[in-house]
Structure formats: structure tokens, C-alpha cells
Amino acid sequence: MLTQAEFLQPLARRRADQIVVSTMSLVRAWGRLSKHELDFAFADSAMGHAQSLALGIALAQPQRRVLCLNGDGSMLMSLGSLVTIAQCRARNLILFIAQNNTYEVTGNQNIPGAGAVDFHNIALACGFPAAFHFSDAREYEAQLDKLLHLQGPILISVRLEPGHEPPPNRKQTEDTPYLRGSLADSVHRLHDVLMRTE
């Protein structure tokens, strides 16, 4: 089992110009590691749709890699989106699932099927060309360089220890800059960056 830091820090060290869509318990954690202009915080009331947003971005920006940092509780809310992602064949999309078996930001209540859900095999059954699961930090980091260069869509589930991240918010007092302002503000900011860097 990995800590949140063992999951995110190796990824942050390897991050280049990929668009990173993060949600729920991973939003602040990623924001502490990355201040990149291509970070996008999807942390609002539409829980369960970060992977669909990431798919849309990947299809609209086929020349860029898109990484989606999703939670297991969020993923369970829209499992059908895995079929859509597989069917669309977005070669530039990597979907990470932080599998800590809880709804962390609301108090670590168990998700349905906690400990039994196998996102790796669900993704393969939905038609993903490749999917992986890690529960060992050294193995995860050893494989990460190769995984980040595979043709997508791929799913990578990582077994994490439960954490204690509070609910994200959009207040100006928020410590994580990319969480300040509304979701619409974040969309406009990402759009402007993408138009400028095309």
C-alpha cells in the first residue's frame, strides 16, 4: 500500500507538459506539488465526472498527454464512462485511480465494494488496451516512466492508505492557487493557456 506522497511525488517529478486533471482528495495534494499552468482542478459538485472531462480535453488536444488523477469513490459514480473512454481510443489519455477504499474528503466512509473492486480488470473488460494495478511504492515508481509513454487510453489503479484531506473549496483564502475561483474560471484559464501554447 502506498501513501499519497508515494503516489503523487514520483508523478510530479516526471511531469512535463501534460495536462493534469485532478479531483477531490487529490486536488490539494497535487497543488502542493505542482504549480503548472496546465493543472486543472475539477473539484466541484459534479463528483464522478473528472475522467469524462479529461477525455474531452484529450480528444480536443490530441497532441498533448492528459493525466487524470481520480479517486475510487468518484470513479464508482460513473463506471460507464470507462466504456466511453475505451471506445473513443484517446491515445493520449492516462487515467489514474487512487484506490483508498474511502470517500476521503467527507470523513473516510467506506466506498461500496471497499477492498473488492478491481478497477484494473474492469477497465480491461470495458475495452481498455492496457490497465495496471500497484500496491508497492518501489514497483510503481520503477514502472512509471514506461507507463507514461504508453499509447492510451490506459488505466492505472494505485492502492493507497486512507488520508485526511478536507473537502476542497473555491474560496480566495484557499492555499492551493488553482482552487481559487469558480470552475468556470478554471475552464477559462486552461482554455487561454492552451490557445497560447498551441
C-alpha atoms as a PDB file:
ATOM      1  CA  MET A   1       0.000   0.000   0.000  1.00  0.00           C
ATOM      2  CA  LEU A   2       1.307   3.451  -0.942  1.00  0.00           C
ATOM      3  CA  THR A   3       0.969   6.745   0.851  1.00  0.00           C
ATOM      4  CA  GLN A   4      -0.496   9.630  -1.098  1.00  0.00           C
ATOM      5  CA  ALA A   5       3.003  11.134  -1.307  1.00  0.00           C
ATOM      6  CA  GLU A   6       4.456   7.894  -2.711  1.00  0.00           C
ATOM      7  CA  PHE A   7       1.795   8.011  -5.390  1.00  0.00           C
ATOM      8  CA  LEU A   8       1.962  11.687  -6.382  1.00  0.00           C
ATOM      9  CA  GLN A   9       5.586  12.732  -5.849  1.00  0.00           C
ATOM     10  CA  PRO A  10       7.099  10.383  -8.469  1.00  0.00           C
ATOM     11  CA  LEU A  11       4.455  11.552 -10.921  1.00  0.00           C
ATOM     12  CA  ALA A  12       5.128  15.226 -10.191  1.00  0.00           C
ATOM     13  CA  ARG A  13       8.875  14.682 -10.744  1.00  0.00           C
ATOM     14  CA  ARG A  14       8.181  13.219 -14.198  1.00  0.00           C
ATOM     15  CA  ARG A  15       5.545  15.717 -15.216  1.00  0.00           C
ATOM     16  CA  ALA A  16       6.441  17.675 -18.350  1.00  0.00           C
ATOM     17  CA  ASP A  17       3.794  19.482 -20.422  1.00  0.00           C
ATOM     18  CA  GLN A  18       0.897  17.108 -19.784  1.00  0.00           C
ATOM     19  CA  ILE A  19      -2.481  18.489 -18.813  1.00  0.00           C
ATOM     20  CA  VAL A  20      -3.321  17.175 -15.336  1.00  0.00           C
ATOM     21  CA  VAL A  21      -6.958  16.976 -14.244  1.00  0.00           C
ATOM     22  CA  SER A  22      -7.278  16.255 -10.524  1.00  0.00           C
ATOM     23  CA  THR A  23     -10.314  15.818  -8.325  1.00  0.00           C
ATOM     24  CA  MET A  24     -11.498  15.539  -4.716  1.00  0.00           C
ATOM     25  CA  SER A  25      -8.831  14.347  -2.230  1.00  0.00           C
ATOM     26  CA  LEU A  26      -6.050  14.671  -4.831  1.00  0.00           C
ATOM     27  CA  VAL A  27      -6.692  18.335  -5.697  1.00  0.00           C
ATOM     28  CA  ARG A  28      -4.834  19.968  -2.804  1.00  0.00           C
ATOM     29  CA  ALA A  29      -2.189  17.258  -2.668  1.00  0.00           C
ATOM     30  CA  TRP A  30      -1.343  17.775  -6.343  1.00  0.00           C
ATOM     31  CA  GLY A  31      -1.475  21.547  -5.906  1.00  0.00           C
ATOM     32  CA  ARG A  32       1.164  21.306  -3.179  1.00  0.00           C
ATOM     33  CA  LEU A  33       3.489  19.553  -5.637  1.00  0.00           C
ATOM     34  CA  SER A  34       2.738  21.365  -8.886  1.00  0.00           C
ATOM     35  CA  LYS A  35       2.135  24.981  -9.856  1.00  0.00           C
ATOM     36  CA  HIS A  36       1.979  24.269 -13.589  1.00  0.00           C
ATOM     37  CA  GLU A  37      -0.368  26.326 -15.743  1.00  0.00           C
ATOM     38  CA  LEU A  38      -1.769  23.114 -17.247  1.00  0.00           C
ATOM     39  CA  ASP A  39      -3.115  21.869 -13.915  1.00  0.00           C
ATOM     40  CA  PHE A  40      -6.908  21.739 -13.786  1.00  0.00           C
ATOM     41  CA  ALA A  41      -8.828  21.261 -10.537  1.00  0.00           C
ATOM     42  CA  PHE A  42     -12.153  19.509 -11.081  1.00  0.00           C
ATOM     43  CA  ALA A  43     -13.393  19.766  -7.519  1.00  0.00           C
ATOM     44  CA  ASP A  44     -16.976  20.884  -7.571  1.00  0.00           C
ATOM     45  CA  SER A  45     -20.389  19.340  -7.049  1.00  0.00           C
ATOM     46  CA  ALA A  46     -20.276  17.147 -10.176  1.00  0.00           C
ATOM     47  CA  MET A  47     -18.381  14.370  -8.421  1.00  0.00           C
ATOM     48  CA  GLY A  48     -17.657  11.434 -10.673  1.00  0.00           C
ATOM     49  CA  HIS A  49     -17.028  13.269 -13.937  1.00  0.00           C
ATOM     50  CA  ALA A  50     -13.324  14.164 -13.872  1.00  0.00           C
ATOM     51  CA  GLN A  51     -12.460  11.276 -16.199  1.00  0.00           C
ATOM     52  CA  SER A  52     -15.110  12.417 -18.706  1.00  0.00           C
ATOM     53  CA  LEU A  53     -13.734  15.969 -18.642  1.00  0.00           C
ATOM     54  CA  ALA A  54     -10.222  14.566 -19.128  1.00  0.00           C
ATOM     55  CA  LEU A  55     -11.463  12.515 -22.082  1.00  0.00           C
ATOM     56  CA  GLY A  56     -12.962  15.622 -23.682  1.00  0.00           C
ATOM     57  CA  ILE A  57      -9.705  17.514 -23.241  1.00  0.00           C
ATOM     58  CA  ALA A  58      -7.721  14.576 -24.656  1.00  0.00           C
ATOM     59  CA  LEU A  59      -9.923  14.406 -27.740  1.00  0.00           C
ATOM     60  CA  ALA A  60      -9.739  18.176 -28.251  1.00  0.00           C
ATOM     61  CA  GLN A  61      -5.953  18.264 -27.686  1.00  0.00           C
ATOM     62  CA  PRO A  62      -4.662  15.061 -29.344  1.00  0.00           C
ATOM     63  CA  GLN A  63      -1.114  16.441 -29.491  1.00  0.00           C
ATOM     64  CA  ARG A  64      -0.898  16.586 -25.658  1.00  0.00           C
ATOM     65  CA  ARG A  65      -0.847  13.924 -22.994  1.00  0.00           C
ATOM     66  CA  VAL A  66      -3.677  14.197 -20.463  1.00  0.00           C
ATOM     67  CA  LEU A  67      -3.389  12.689 -16.997  1.00  0.00           C
ATOM     68  CA  CYS A  68      -6.496  12.311 -14.857  1.00  0.00           C
ATOM     69  CA  LEU A  69      -5.985  11.867 -11.104  1.00  0.00           C
ATOM     70  CA  ASN A  70      -9.251  10.335  -9.964  1.00  0.00           C
ATOM     71  CA  GLY A  71     -10.479   8.780  -6.733  1.00  0.00           C
ATOM     72  CA  ASP A  72     -12.106   5.382  -6.380  1.00  0.00           C
ATOM     73  CA  GLY A  73     -15.315   6.845  -4.935  1.00  0.00           C
ATOM     74  CA  SER A  74     -15.561   9.274  -7.828  1.00  0.00           C
ATOM     75  CA  MET A  75     -14.836   6.530 -10.348  1.00  0.00           C
ATOM     76  CA  LEU A  76     -17.608   4.348  -8.945  1.00  0.00           C
ATOM     77  CA  MET A  77     -20.124   7.117  -9.579  1.00  0.00           C
ATOM     78  CA  SER A  78     -19.538   6.925 -13.356  1.00  0.00           C
ATOM     79  CA  LEU A  79     -18.192   3.471 -14.153  1.00  0.00           C
ATOM     80  CA  GLY A  80     -19.941   3.577 -17.518  1.00  0.00           C
ATOM     81  CA  SER A  81     -17.545   6.301 -18.623  1.00  0.00           C
ATOM     82  CA  LEU A  82     -14.827   3.632 -18.848  1.00  0.00           C
ATOM     83  CA  VAL A  83     -16.685   2.104 -21.792  1.00  0.00           C
ATOM     84  CA  THR A  84     -16.873   5.503 -23.491  1.00  0.00           C
ATOM     85  CA  ILE A  85     -13.164   6.184 -22.878  1.00  0.00           C
ATOM     86  CA  ALA A  86     -12.240   2.768 -24.305  1.00  0.00           C
ATOM     87  CA  GLN A  87     -14.457   3.265 -27.343  1.00  0.00           C
ATOM     88  CA  CYS A  88     -13.036   6.723 -28.085  1.00  0.00           C
ATOM     89  CA  ARG A  89      -9.478   5.351 -28.123  1.00  0.00           C
ATOM     90  CA  ALA A  90      -7.896   8.554 -26.842  1.00  0.00           C
ATOM     91  CA  ARG A  91      -4.260   7.546 -27.270  1.00  0.00           C
ATOM     92  CA  ASN A  92      -3.075  10.460 -25.148  1.00  0.00           C
ATOM     93  CA  LEU A  93      -5.149   9.737 -22.006  1.00  0.00           C
ATOM     94  CA  ILE A  94      -3.913   8.086 -18.806  1.00  0.00           C
ATOM     95  CA  LEU A  95      -6.453   7.603 -16.036  1.00  0.00           C
ATOM     96  CA  PHE A  96      -5.071   7.121 -12.523  1.00  0.00           C
ATOM     97  CA  ILE A  97      -7.362   5.769  -9.801  1.00  0.00           C
ATOM     98  CA  ALA A  98      -6.296   6.462  -6.207  1.00  0.00           C
ATOM     99  CA  GLN A  99      -7.805   3.440  -4.518  1.00  0.00           C
ATOM    100  CA  ASN A 100      -8.008   4.058  -0.774  1.00  0.00           C
ATOM    101  CA  ASN A 101     -11.468   2.442  -0.425  1.00  0.00           C
ATOM    102  CA  THR A 102     -12.985   5.528   1.189  1.00  0.00           C
ATOM    103  CA  TYR A 103     -14.747   8.799   0.465  1.00  0.00           C
ATOM    104  CA  GLU A 104     -11.818  10.644   1.987  1.00  0.00           C
ATOM    105  CA  VAL A 105     -12.952  14.271   1.867  1.00  0.00           C
ATOM    106  CA  THR A 106     -16.260  13.556   3.606  1.00  0.00           C
ATOM    107  CA  GLY A 107     -14.791  11.594   6.510  1.00  0.00           C
ATOM    108  CA  ASN A 108     -13.380   8.333   5.148  1.00  0.00           C
ATOM    109  CA  GLN A 109     -16.646   6.430   4.877  1.00  0.00           C
ATOM    110  CA  ASN A 110     -16.147   3.139   3.021  1.00  0.00           C
ATOM    111  CA  ILE A 111     -16.975   3.172  -0.671  1.00  0.00           C
ATOM    112  CA  PRO A 112     -19.315   0.418  -1.935  1.00  0.00           C
ATOM    113  CA  GLY A 113     -17.283  -2.727  -2.521  1.00  0.00           C
ATOM    114  CA  ALA A 114     -14.353  -1.431  -0.470  1.00  0.00           C
ATOM    115  CA  GLY A 115     -11.455  -3.848  -0.833  1.00  0.00           C
ATOM    116  CA  ALA A 116     -13.205  -5.883  -3.522  1.00  0.00           C
ATOM    117  CA  VAL A 117     -13.478  -3.532  -6.513  1.00  0.00           C
ATOM    118  CA  ASP A 118     -10.891  -4.342  -9.180  1.00  0.00           C
ATOM    119  CA  PHE A 119     -10.638  -1.264 -11.407  1.00  0.00           C
ATOM    120  CA  HIS A 120      -7.776  -2.799 -13.376  1.00  0.00           C
ATOM    121  CA  ASN A 121      -9.859  -5.720 -14.605  1.00  0.00           C
ATOM    122  CA  ILE A 122     -12.986  -3.590 -15.015  1.00  0.00           C
ATOM    123  CA  ALA A 123     -11.042  -1.332 -17.393  1.00  0.00           C
ATOM    124  CA  LEU A 124      -9.814  -4.301 -19.418  1.00  0.00           C
ATOM    125  CA  ALA A 125     -13.359  -5.684 -19.587  1.00  0.00           C
ATOM    126  CA  CYS A 126     -14.550  -2.283 -20.852  1.00  0.00           C
ATOM    127  CA  GLY A 127     -12.072  -2.430 -23.725  1.00  0.00           C
ATOM    128  CA  PHE A 128      -9.025  -0.526 -22.447  1.00  0.00           C
ATOM    129  CA  PRO A 129      -5.966  -1.766 -24.337  1.00  0.00           C
ATOM    130  CA  ALA A 130      -3.942  -1.812 -21.119  1.00  0.00           C
ATOM    131  CA  ALA A 131      -4.509  -1.424 -17.378  1.00  0.00           C
ATOM    132  CA  PHE A 132      -2.255  -1.795 -14.366  1.00  0.00           C
ATOM    133  CA  HIS A 133      -2.518  -2.034 -10.597  1.00  0.00           C
ATOM    134  CA  PHE A 134       0.118  -1.206  -7.989  1.00  0.00           C
ATOM    135  CA  SER A 135       0.220  -1.686  -4.241  1.00  0.00           C
ATOM    136  CA  ASP A 136       4.012  -1.403  -3.816  1.00  0.00           C
ATOM    137  CA  ALA A 137       5.714   2.003  -3.986  1.00  0.00           C
ATOM    138  CA  ARG A 138       9.001   0.729  -5.446  1.00  0.00           C
ATOM    139  CA  GLU A 139       7.312  -1.257  -8.185  1.00  0.00           C
ATOM    140  CA  TYR A 140       5.067   1.702  -9.054  1.00  0.00           C
ATOM    141  CA  GLU A 141       7.962   4.130  -9.368  1.00  0.00           C
ATOM    142  CA  ALA A 142      10.066   1.625 -11.301  1.00  0.00           C
ATOM    143  CA  GLN A 143       7.324   1.226 -13.915  1.00  0.00           C
ATOM    144  CA  LEU A 144       6.133   4.832 -14.090  1.00  0.00           C
ATOM    145  CA  ASP A 145       8.473   6.108 -16.821  1.00  0.00           C
ATOM    146  CA  LYS A 146       7.414   3.327 -19.158  1.00  0.00           C
ATOM    147  CA  LEU A 147       3.709   3.740 -18.337  1.00  0.00           C
ATOM    148  CA  LEU A 148       3.728   7.469 -19.032  1.00  0.00           C
ATOM    149  CA  HIS A 149       4.869   6.787 -22.592  1.00  0.00           C
ATOM    150  CA  LEU A 150       2.416   4.017 -23.456  1.00  0.00           C
ATOM    151  CA  GLN A 151      -0.287   4.567 -26.006  1.00  0.00           C
ATOM    152  CA  GLY A 152      -3.586   5.165 -24.242  1.00  0.00           C
ATOM    153  CA  PRO A 153      -6.125   5.012 -23.073  1.00  0.00           C
ATOM    154  CA  ILE A 154      -4.681   3.244 -20.088  1.00  0.00           C
ATOM    155  CA  LEU A 155      -5.878   2.939 -16.503  1.00  0.00           C
ATOM    156  CA  ILE A 156      -3.516   2.748 -13.546  1.00  0.00           C
ATOM    157  CA  SER A 157      -5.024   1.952 -10.163  1.00  0.00           C
ATOM    158  CA  VAL A 158      -2.841   2.546  -7.120  1.00  0.00           C
ATOM    159  CA  ARG A 159      -3.695   1.136  -3.687  1.00  0.00           C
ATOM    160  CA  LEU A 160      -3.342   3.957  -1.164  1.00  0.00           C
ATOM    161  CA  GLU A 161      -3.578   4.325   2.572  1.00  0.00           C
ATOM    162  CA  PRO A 162      -6.610   6.432   3.584  1.00  0.00           C
ATOM    163  CA  GLY A 163      -5.681  10.066   4.159  1.00  0.00           C
ATOM    164  CA  HIS A 164      -7.270  13.072   5.816  1.00  0.00           C
ATOM    165  CA  GLU A 165      -7.700  15.702   3.108  1.00  0.00           C
ATOM    166  CA  PRO A 166     -10.552  18.128   3.897  1.00  0.00           C
ATOM    167  CA  PRO A 167     -13.178  18.980   1.277  1.00  0.00           C
ATOM    168  CA  PRO A 168     -11.841  21.257  -1.479  1.00  0.00           C
ATOM    169  CA  ASN A 169     -13.313  24.725  -1.829  1.00  0.00           C
ATOM    170  CA  ARG A 170     -13.143  27.644  -4.244  1.00  0.00           C
ATOM    171  CA  LYS A 171     -12.555  30.468  -1.778  1.00  0.00           C
ATOM    172  CA  GLN A 172      -9.929  33.154  -2.310  1.00  0.00           C
ATOM    173  CA  THR A 173      -8.404  32.136   1.031  1.00  0.00           C
ATOM    174  CA  GLU A 174      -7.632  28.659  -0.372  1.00  0.00           C
ATOM    175  CA  ASP A 175      -3.917  27.796  -0.022  1.00  0.00           C
ATOM    176  CA  THR A 176      -3.854  25.960  -3.352  1.00  0.00           C
ATOM    177  CA  PRO A 177      -3.924  28.674  -6.061  1.00  0.00           C
ATOM    178  CA  TYR A 178      -5.611  26.658  -8.801  1.00  0.00           C
ATOM    179  CA  LEU A 179      -8.568  26.029  -6.497  1.00  0.00           C
ATOM    180  CA  ARG A 180      -9.347  29.732  -6.135  1.00  0.00           C
ATOM    181  CA  GLY A 181     -12.282  30.982  -8.160  1.00  0.00           C
ATOM    182  CA  SER A 182     -15.101  29.041  -9.795  1.00  0.00           C
ATOM    183  CA  LEU A 183     -14.976  26.001 -12.043  1.00  0.00           C
ATOM    184  CA  ALA A 184     -15.813  28.342 -14.920  1.00  0.00           C
ATOM    185  CA  ASP A 185     -12.749  30.439 -14.020  1.00  0.00           C
ATOM    186  CA  SER A 186     -10.610  27.311 -14.169  1.00  0.00           C
ATOM    187  CA  VAL A 187     -12.046  26.371 -17.565  1.00  0.00           C
ATOM    188  CA  HIS A 188     -11.319  29.814 -18.997  1.00  0.00           C
ATOM    189  CA  ARG A 189      -7.797  29.807 -17.562  1.00  0.00           C
ATOM    190  CA  LEU A 190      -6.984  26.390 -19.071  1.00  0.00           C
ATOM    191  CA  HIS A 191      -8.546  27.396 -22.404  1.00  0.00           C
ATOM    192  CA  ASP A 192      -6.432  30.561 -22.549  1.00  0.00           C
ATOM    193  CA  VAL A 193      -3.240  28.619 -21.774  1.00  0.00           C
ATOM    194  CA  LEU A 194      -3.990  26.009 -24.428  1.00  0.00           C
ATOM    195  CA  MET A 195      -4.730  28.645 -27.060  1.00  0.00           C
ATOM    196  CA  ARG A 196      -1.498  30.455 -26.219  1.00  0.00           C
ATOM    197  CA  THR A 197       0.670  27.319 -26.318  1.00  0.00           C
ATOM    198  CA  GLU A 198      -0.700  25.605 -29.433  1.00  0.00           C
END
